[in-house]
Amino acid sequence: MSDVEEVQEQMKVDLEAMKDQMTTMMEAIMSMRKMMLVNVATVVGTSTAIEVNPTYPSAIEVLGSTSSPYFVQV
């Protein structure tokens, strides 16, 4: 085999390895994207639920109330 043919064969092998690496990276990116979309949906759902039905009073309401167990008269 000539030097040119050996170089071409090595380039083919390297190209296949790069294709495999790119496929692996794309799969990882798509997996991360899917996780990010799920997290965004969870945050939006949680934020919407809190806005619609606030369960806990705000810190200002609790600390500013004289009937609060945290109230301290100075």
N, C-alpha and C. Protein backbone atom coordinates (compact mmCIF):
# COMPACT_ATOMS: atom_id res chain seq x y z
N MET A 1 0.85 -1.18 0.00
CA MET A 1 0.00 0.00 0.00
C MET A 1 0.90 1.24 0.00
N SER A 2 0.53 2.21 -0.76
CA SER A 2 1.34 3.43 -0.83
C SER A 2 1.06 4.33 0.36
N ASP A 3 1.89 5.31 0.55
CA ASP A 3 1.72 6.25 1.66
C ASP A 3 0.40 7.00 1.57
N VAL A 4 0.01 7.35 0.35
CA VAL A 4 -1.24 8.10 0.15
C VAL A 4 -2.43 7.24 0.58
N GLU A 5 -2.42 5.98 0.18
CA GLU A 5 -3.52 5.08 0.54
C GLU A 5 -3.58 4.86 2.06
N GLU A 6 -2.44 4.77 2.70
CA GLU A 6 -2.41 4.60 4.15
C GLU A 6 -2.98 5.83 4.85
N VAL A 7 -2.63 6.99 4.37
CA VAL A 7 -3.15 8.23 4.94
C VAL A 7 -4.66 8.31 4.74
N GLN A 8 -5.14 7.92 3.56
CA GLN A 8 -6.57 7.95 3.29
C GLN A 8 -7.31 6.97 4.20
N GLU A 9 -6.76 5.80 4.41
CA GLU A 9 -7.40 4.82 5.30
C GLU A 9 -7.45 5.34 6.73
N GLN A 10 -6.35 5.95 7.18
CA GLN A 10 -6.32 6.50 8.54
C GLN A 10 -7.32 7.65 8.67
N MET A 11 -7.47 8.44 7.63
CA MET A 11 -8.45 9.53 7.64
C MET A 11 -9.86 8.98 7.73
N LYS A 12 -10.14 7.88 7.04
CA LYS A 12 -11.47 7.26 7.11
C LYS A 12 -11.75 6.76 8.52
N VAL A 13 -10.75 6.14 9.13
CA VAL A 13 -10.91 5.65 10.50
C VAL A 13 -11.16 6.81 11.46
N ASP A 14 -10.36 7.87 11.30
CA ASP A 14 -10.52 9.05 12.16
C ASP A 14 -11.89 9.70 11.96
N LEU A 15 -12.35 9.76 10.73
CA LEU A 15 -13.65 10.35 10.42
C LEU A 15 -14.77 9.55 11.08
N GLU A 16 -14.69 8.24 11.03
CA GLU A 16 -15.71 7.39 11.67
C GLU A 16 -15.70 7.61 13.18
N ALA A 17 -14.51 7.72 13.76
CA ALA A 17 -14.42 7.96 15.20
C ALA A 17 -15.04 9.31 15.56
N MET A 18 -14.79 10.31 14.74
CA MET A 18 -15.37 11.64 14.98
C MET A 18 -16.89 11.60 14.86
N LYS A 19 -17.40 10.84 13.89
CA LYS A 19 -18.86 10.71 13.73
C LYS A 19 -19.47 10.08 14.98
N ASP A 20 -18.81 9.06 15.52
CA ASP A 20 -19.31 8.41 16.73
C ASP A 20 -19.30 9.38 17.91
N GLN A 21 -18.23 10.16 18.02
CA GLN A 21 -18.15 11.14 19.10
C GLN A 21 -19.23 12.21 18.96
N MET A 22 -19.47 12.65 17.75
CA MET A 22 -20.51 13.66 17.51
C MET A 22 -21.89 13.10 17.86
N THR A 23 -22.13 11.85 17.52
CA THR A 23 -23.41 11.23 17.85
C THR A 23 -23.59 11.17 19.36
N THR A 24 -22.54 10.79 20.08
CA THR A 24 -22.60 10.73 21.54
C THR A 24 -22.85 12.11 22.13
N MET A 25 -22.16 13.13 21.61
CA MET A 25 -22.35 14.49 22.12
C MET A 25 -23.76 14.98 21.83
N MET A 26 -24.29 14.70 20.66
CA MET A 26 -25.65 15.14 20.32
C MET A 26 -26.67 14.47 21.23
N GLU A 27 -26.47 13.20 21.52
CA GLU A 27 -27.38 12.50 22.42
C GLU A 27 -27.33 13.13 23.82
N ALA A 28 -26.13 13.48 24.28
CA ALA A 28 -26.00 14.12 25.59
C ALA A 28 -26.68 15.48 25.60
N ILE A 29 -26.50 16.25 24.54
CA ILE A 29 -27.11 17.58 24.45
C ILE A 29 -28.63 17.45 24.44
N MET A 30 -29.16 16.51 23.68
CA MET A 30 -30.61 16.33 23.63
C MET A 30 -31.15 15.88 24.98
N SER A 31 -30.41 15.05 25.68
CA SER A 31 -30.82 14.62 27.01
C SER A 31 -30.84 15.80 27.99
N MET A 32 -29.81 16.65 27.93
CA MET A 32 -29.78 17.83 28.80
C MET A 32 -30.92 18.78 28.45
N ARG A 33 -31.20 18.92 27.17
CA ARG A 33 -32.29 19.81 26.74
C ARG A 33 -33.63 19.30 27.28
N LYS A 34 -33.82 17.98 27.21
CA LYS A 34 -35.05 17.39 27.71
C LYS A 34 -35.18 17.64 29.22
N MET A 35 -34.07 17.49 29.96
CA MET A 35 -34.11 17.74 31.41
C MET A 35 -34.42 19.20 31.70
N MET A 36 -33.83 20.11 30.91
CA MET A 36 -34.08 21.53 31.10
C MET A 36 -35.55 21.86 30.85
N LEU A 37 -36.14 21.28 29.82
CA LEU A 37 -37.54 21.54 29.52
C LEU A 37 -38.44 21.02 30.63
N VAL A 38 -38.11 19.86 31.18
CA VAL A 38 -38.89 19.32 32.30
C VAL A 38 -38.77 20.24 33.51
N ASN A 39 -37.55 20.73 33.78
CA ASN A 39 -37.35 21.63 34.92
C ASN A 39 -38.11 22.93 34.73
N VAL A 40 -38.10 23.47 33.51
CA VAL A 40 -38.84 24.71 33.24
C VAL A 40 -40.32 24.49 33.46
N ALA A 41 -40.84 23.37 32.97
CA ALA A 41 -42.26 23.07 33.15
C ALA A 41 -42.60 22.94 34.63
N THR A 42 -41.72 22.33 35.40
CA THR A 42 -41.94 22.18 36.83
C THR A 42 -41.95 23.53 37.53
N VAL A 43 -41.00 24.38 37.19
CA VAL A 43 -40.91 25.71 37.81
C VAL A 43 -42.15 26.53 37.45
N VAL A 44 -42.55 26.49 36.19
CA VAL A 44 -43.73 27.25 35.76
C VAL A 44 -44.97 26.73 36.48
N GLY A 45 -45.10 25.42 36.57
CA GLY A 45 -46.24 24.84 37.27
C GLY A 45 -46.26 25.21 38.74
N THR A 46 -45.12 25.16 39.37
CA THR A 46 -45.02 25.51 40.79
C THR A 46 -45.29 26.99 40.99
N SER A 47 -44.71 27.84 40.16
CA SER A 47 -44.92 29.28 40.28
C SER A 47 -46.38 29.63 40.09
N THR A 48 -47.01 29.01 39.14
CA THR A 48 -48.42 29.28 38.88
C THR A 48 -49.27 28.84 40.06
N ALA A 49 -48.95 27.68 40.63
CA ALA A 49 -49.70 27.19 41.78
C ALA A 49 -49.54 28.12 42.97
N ILE A 50 -48.37 28.64 43.19
CA ILE A 50 -48.13 29.55 44.31
C ILE A 50 -48.87 30.86 44.09
N GLU A 51 -48.87 31.37 42.86
CA GLU A 51 -49.57 32.62 42.57
C GLU A 51 -51.07 32.47 42.74
N VAL A 52 -51.60 31.32 42.35
CA VAL A 52 -53.04 31.10 42.42
C VAL A 52 -53.49 30.83 43.84
N ASN A 53 -52.70 30.06 44.60
CA ASN A 53 -53.11 29.66 45.93
C ASN A 53 -51.92 29.78 46.89
N PRO A 54 -51.62 30.98 47.37
CA PRO A 54 -50.50 31.10 48.30
C PRO A 54 -50.84 30.44 49.63
N THR A 55 -50.04 29.49 50.04
CA THR A 55 -50.31 28.75 51.27
C THR A 55 -49.75 29.47 52.49
N TYR A 56 -48.59 30.08 52.34
CA TYR A 56 -47.92 30.70 53.47
C TYR A 56 -47.96 32.22 53.33
N PRO A 57 -48.15 32.91 54.45
CA PRO A 57 -48.08 34.38 54.37
C PRO A 57 -46.66 34.82 54.11
N SER A 58 -46.52 35.99 53.57
CA SER A 58 -45.18 36.48 53.28
C SER A 58 -44.45 36.79 54.58
N ALA A 59 -43.15 36.91 54.49
CA ALA A 59 -42.33 37.24 55.66
C ALA A 59 -42.70 38.60 56.22
N ILE A 60 -43.05 39.53 55.35
CA ILE A 60 -43.44 40.87 55.80
C ILE A 60 -44.71 40.79 56.63
N GLU A 61 -45.67 39.99 56.19
CA GLU A 61 -46.92 39.86 56.94
C GLU A 61 -46.67 39.21 58.30
N VAL A 62 -45.83 38.19 58.34
CA VAL A 62 -45.57 37.48 59.59
C VAL A 62 -44.81 38.37 60.56
N LEU A 63 -43.73 38.99 60.08
CA LEU A 63 -42.89 39.80 60.97
C LEU A 63 -43.55 41.11 61.36
N GLY A 64 -44.46 41.61 60.53
CA GLY A 64 -45.11 42.89 60.82
C GLY A 64 -46.36 42.77 61.66
N SER A 65 -46.81 41.57 61.92
CA SER A 65 -48.04 41.36 62.66
C SER A 65 -47.77 41.34 64.16
N THR A 66 -48.62 42.01 64.93
CA THR A 66 -48.44 42.02 66.39
C THR A 66 -48.89 40.71 67.01
N SER A 67 -49.65 39.92 66.30
CA SER A 67 -50.10 38.64 66.84
C SER A 67 -49.15 37.51 66.45
N SER A 68 -48.10 37.84 65.73
CA SER A 68 -47.13 36.85 65.29
C SER A 68 -46.27 36.39 66.46
N PRO A 69 -45.93 35.12 66.52
CA PRO A 69 -45.02 34.65 67.57
C PRO A 69 -43.63 35.25 67.42
N TYR A 70 -43.33 35.87 66.28
CA TYR A 70 -42.04 36.47 66.03
C TYR A 70 -42.03 37.97 66.37
N PHE A 71 -43.16 38.49 66.82
CA PHE A 71 -43.26 39.91 67.09
C PHE A 71 -42.49 40.25 68.36
N VAL A 72 -41.65 41.24 68.27
CA VAL A 72 -40.89 41.71 69.43
C VAL A 72 -41.08 43.22 69.53
N GLN A 73 -41.61 43.66 70.68
CA GLN A 73 -41.83 45.09 70.85
C GLN A 73 -40.55 45.71 71.41
N VAL A 74 -40.15 46.79 70.78
CA VAL A 74 -38.89 47.45 71.17
C VAL A 74 -39.19 48.68 71.94
